[in-house]
Amino acid sequence: MSQPPQVIVGAKLPLRPMHVWAIRVRLQIARRIRDLALFDIALDSKLRACDVVSLRVANLIADGAIRQRAIVIQQKTGRPVQFEITEQTRRSLTSWLRIRGREIDGWLFPSRMAEGAHLSTRQFYRLLKDWVALIGLEPAAYGTHSLRRRKVAMLYR
């Protein structure tokens, strides 16, 4: 008889730098280009999952190139947030946009199920659980906020 998945109540753990590195390597080896771009932009932006999945290509592209900094209005607070887009993320986004196509008004991560929609936050959550499991961590201990908390955890150290 199989046991139900473990449920952890409370704040989820932040990803450590070694976890980030391991996930990136696994995604690169598996050639999961969309997942790598999604993972990288989630880390760089520190945005909530709802804001990450609703990014548009136009938020990150200027004059045909990926910006070094971007500004996004947060859905929850209505406030703008500025973030740096690292070289690693610009490379993964460039690879993803090559495959996805560069229509400037479209979603950065379009849904595969509903035309005209973006990737759902639920699907983003499932992908995160998969990425964490790829490196042998307990998926129940991590959530989408684990990506937001990574830089904060590094600063406190």
Protein backbone atom coordinates (compact mmCIF):
# COMPACT_ATOMS: atom_id res chain seq x y z
CA MET A 1 0.00 0.00 0.00
CA SER A 2 1.47 3.37 -1.01
CA GLN A 3 1.67 6.18 1.49
CA PRO A 4 0.16 9.61 0.78
CA PRO A 5 2.64 12.37 -0.06
CA GLN A 6 4.18 14.11 2.93
CA VAL A 7 2.63 17.49 3.75
CA ILE A 8 4.76 20.11 5.45
CA VAL A 9 2.94 22.99 7.10
CA GLY A 10 4.48 26.44 7.39
CA ALA A 11 7.15 28.30 5.47
CA LYS A 12 8.94 26.33 2.79
CA LEU A 13 12.71 26.07 2.72
CA PRO A 14 14.74 28.39 0.50
CA LEU A 15 16.87 26.79 -2.19
CA ARG A 16 20.57 26.86 -1.38
CA PRO A 17 23.16 27.86 -3.98
CA MET A 18 24.23 24.22 -4.39
CA HIS A 19 20.58 23.26 -5.06
CA VAL A 20 20.27 26.02 -7.67
CA TRP A 21 23.44 24.86 -9.37
CA ALA A 22 22.31 21.20 -9.32
CA ILE A 23 18.87 22.01 -10.74
CA ARG A 24 20.40 24.14 -13.52
CA VAL A 25 22.79 21.35 -14.48
CA ARG A 26 20.00 18.75 -14.54
CA LEU A 27 17.77 20.98 -16.66
CA GLN A 28 20.64 21.71 -19.06
CA ILE A 29 21.55 18.02 -19.42
CA ALA A 30 17.90 17.13 -20.05
CA ARG A 31 17.66 20.00 -22.58
CA ARG A 32 14.60 21.36 -20.81
CA ILE A 33 15.06 24.84 -22.24
CA ARG A 34 11.69 26.29 -21.20
CA ASP A 35 12.08 24.97 -17.66
CA LEU A 36 15.59 26.40 -17.37
CA ALA A 37 14.43 29.83 -18.56
CA LEU A 38 11.48 29.72 -16.16
CA PHE A 39 13.71 28.65 -13.26
CA ASP A 40 16.29 31.34 -14.00
CA ILE A 41 13.83 34.23 -14.37
CA ALA A 42 11.99 33.17 -11.20
CA LEU A 43 15.28 33.28 -9.29
CA ASP A 44 16.43 36.61 -10.72
CA SER A 45 13.11 38.40 -10.38
CA LYS A 46 12.10 37.19 -6.89
CA LEU A 47 8.52 37.60 -8.12
CA ARG A 48 5.53 35.66 -6.84
CA ALA A 49 4.52 32.70 -9.01
CA CYS A 50 1.50 34.58 -10.40
CA ASP A 51 3.78 37.38 -11.59
CA VAL A 52 6.44 35.06 -13.05
CA VAL A 53 3.98 33.09 -15.19
CA SER A 54 2.28 36.27 -16.40
CA LEU A 55 5.47 37.88 -17.71
CA ARG A 56 5.24 39.04 -21.30
CA VAL A 57 8.06 39.02 -23.82
CA ALA A 58 7.77 42.82 -23.99
CA ASN A 59 8.63 43.04 -20.26
CA LEU A 60 12.10 41.66 -20.96
CA ILE A 61 12.98 42.72 -24.53
CA ALA A 62 14.20 46.14 -25.69
CA ASP A 63 15.49 46.84 -29.19
CA GLY A 64 15.55 43.11 -30.00
CA ALA A 65 17.74 42.18 -27.02
CA ILE A 66 16.99 40.99 -23.52
CA ARG A 67 17.25 43.82 -21.01
CA GLN A 68 19.75 43.83 -18.16
CA ARG A 69 17.05 45.18 -15.84
CA ALA A 70 13.29 44.89 -16.01
CA ILE A 71 10.37 46.52 -14.20
CA VAL A 72 7.12 44.66 -13.57
CA ILE A 73 3.94 45.74 -11.76
CA GLN A 74 3.11 43.15 -9.10
CA GLN A 75 -0.43 41.77 -9.23
CA LYS A 76 -0.86 41.50 -5.46
CA THR A 77 0.40 44.94 -4.45
CA GLY A 78 0.08 46.94 -7.66
CA ARG A 79 3.58 48.25 -7.04
CA PRO A 80 6.43 48.19 -9.53
CA VAL A 81 9.41 45.98 -8.83
CA GLN A 82 12.74 46.27 -10.63
CA PHE A 83 15.12 43.37 -10.96
CA GLU A 84 18.40 42.53 -12.65
CA ILE A 85 18.49 39.86 -15.34
CA THR A 86 21.79 38.02 -15.00
CA GLU A 87 23.89 36.81 -17.91
CA GLN A 88 22.94 33.19 -17.16
CA THR A 89 19.25 34.08 -17.34
CA ARG A 90 19.68 36.13 -20.52
CA ARG A 91 21.31 33.09 -22.15
CA SER A 92 18.54 30.72 -21.10
CA LEU A 93 15.84 33.20 -22.14
CA THR A 94 17.51 33.70 -25.53
CA SER A 95 17.48 29.93 -26.09
CA TRP A 96 13.85 29.72 -25.00
CA LEU A 97 12.76 32.63 -27.22
CA ARG A 98 14.50 31.02 -30.19
CA ILE A 99 12.24 27.98 -29.77
CA ARG A 100 9.12 29.79 -28.61
CA GLY A 101 9.19 32.60 -31.16
CA ARG A 102 9.63 36.26 -30.46
CA GLU A 103 6.19 37.83 -30.91
CA ILE A 104 6.68 40.80 -28.63
CA ASP A 105 3.11 41.00 -27.31
CA GLY A 106 2.82 37.36 -26.25
CA TRP A 107 3.26 35.60 -22.92
CA LEU A 108 6.83 34.64 -22.08
CA PHE A 109 5.59 31.21 -20.95
CA PRO A 110 2.41 30.44 -22.91
CA SER A 111 0.07 27.66 -21.87
CA ARG A 112 0.23 24.44 -23.82
CA MET A 113 -3.42 23.74 -22.97
CA ALA A 114 -5.32 26.99 -23.50
CA GLU A 115 -4.52 29.13 -26.51
CA GLY A 116 -3.97 32.76 -25.58
CA ALA A 117 -3.32 31.94 -21.90
CA HIS A 118 -0.09 31.76 -19.95
CA LEU A 119 1.34 28.88 -17.94
CA SER A 120 -0.74 28.46 -14.79
CA THR A 121 0.65 28.96 -11.30
CA ARG A 122 -0.42 25.39 -10.56
CA GLN A 123 1.69 24.09 -13.44
CA PHE A 124 4.61 26.25 -12.27
CA TYR A 125 4.22 24.67 -8.81
CA ARG A 126 4.25 21.17 -10.34
CA LEU A 127 7.38 21.99 -12.34
CA LEU A 128 9.13 23.27 -9.22
CA LYS A 129 8.31 20.04 -7.39
CA ASP A 130 9.75 18.10 -10.34
CA TRP A 131 12.95 20.20 -10.37
CA VAL A 132 13.47 19.67 -6.64
CA ALA A 133 12.88 15.92 -6.98
CA LEU A 134 15.44 15.81 -9.84
CA ILE A 135 18.20 16.55 -7.35
CA GLY A 136 16.93 14.23 -4.64
CA LEU A 137 15.30 16.75 -2.31
CA GLU A 138 11.91 16.26 -0.66
CA PRO A 139 9.42 18.12 -2.89
CA ALA A 140 7.02 18.75 0.02
CA ALA A 141 9.66 20.91 1.75
CA TYR A 142 9.84 23.39 -1.14
CA GLY A 143 7.35 25.67 -2.84
CA THR A 144 7.31 28.54 -5.27
CA HIS A 145 8.31 30.90 -2.44
CA SER A 146 11.52 28.87 -2.11
CA LEU A 147 12.67 30.60 -5.30
CA ARG A 148 11.80 34.04 -3.90
CA ARG A 149 13.51 33.37 -0.58
CA ARG A 150 16.81 32.15 -2.03
CA LYS A 151 18.48 35.57 -2.26
CA VAL A 152 17.07 36.69 1.08
CA ALA A 153 18.47 33.57 2.75
CA MET A 154 21.87 34.26 1.18
CA LEU A 155 21.84 37.85 2.50
CA TYR A 156 21.07 36.75 6.06
CA ARG A 157 24.11 34.46 6.01
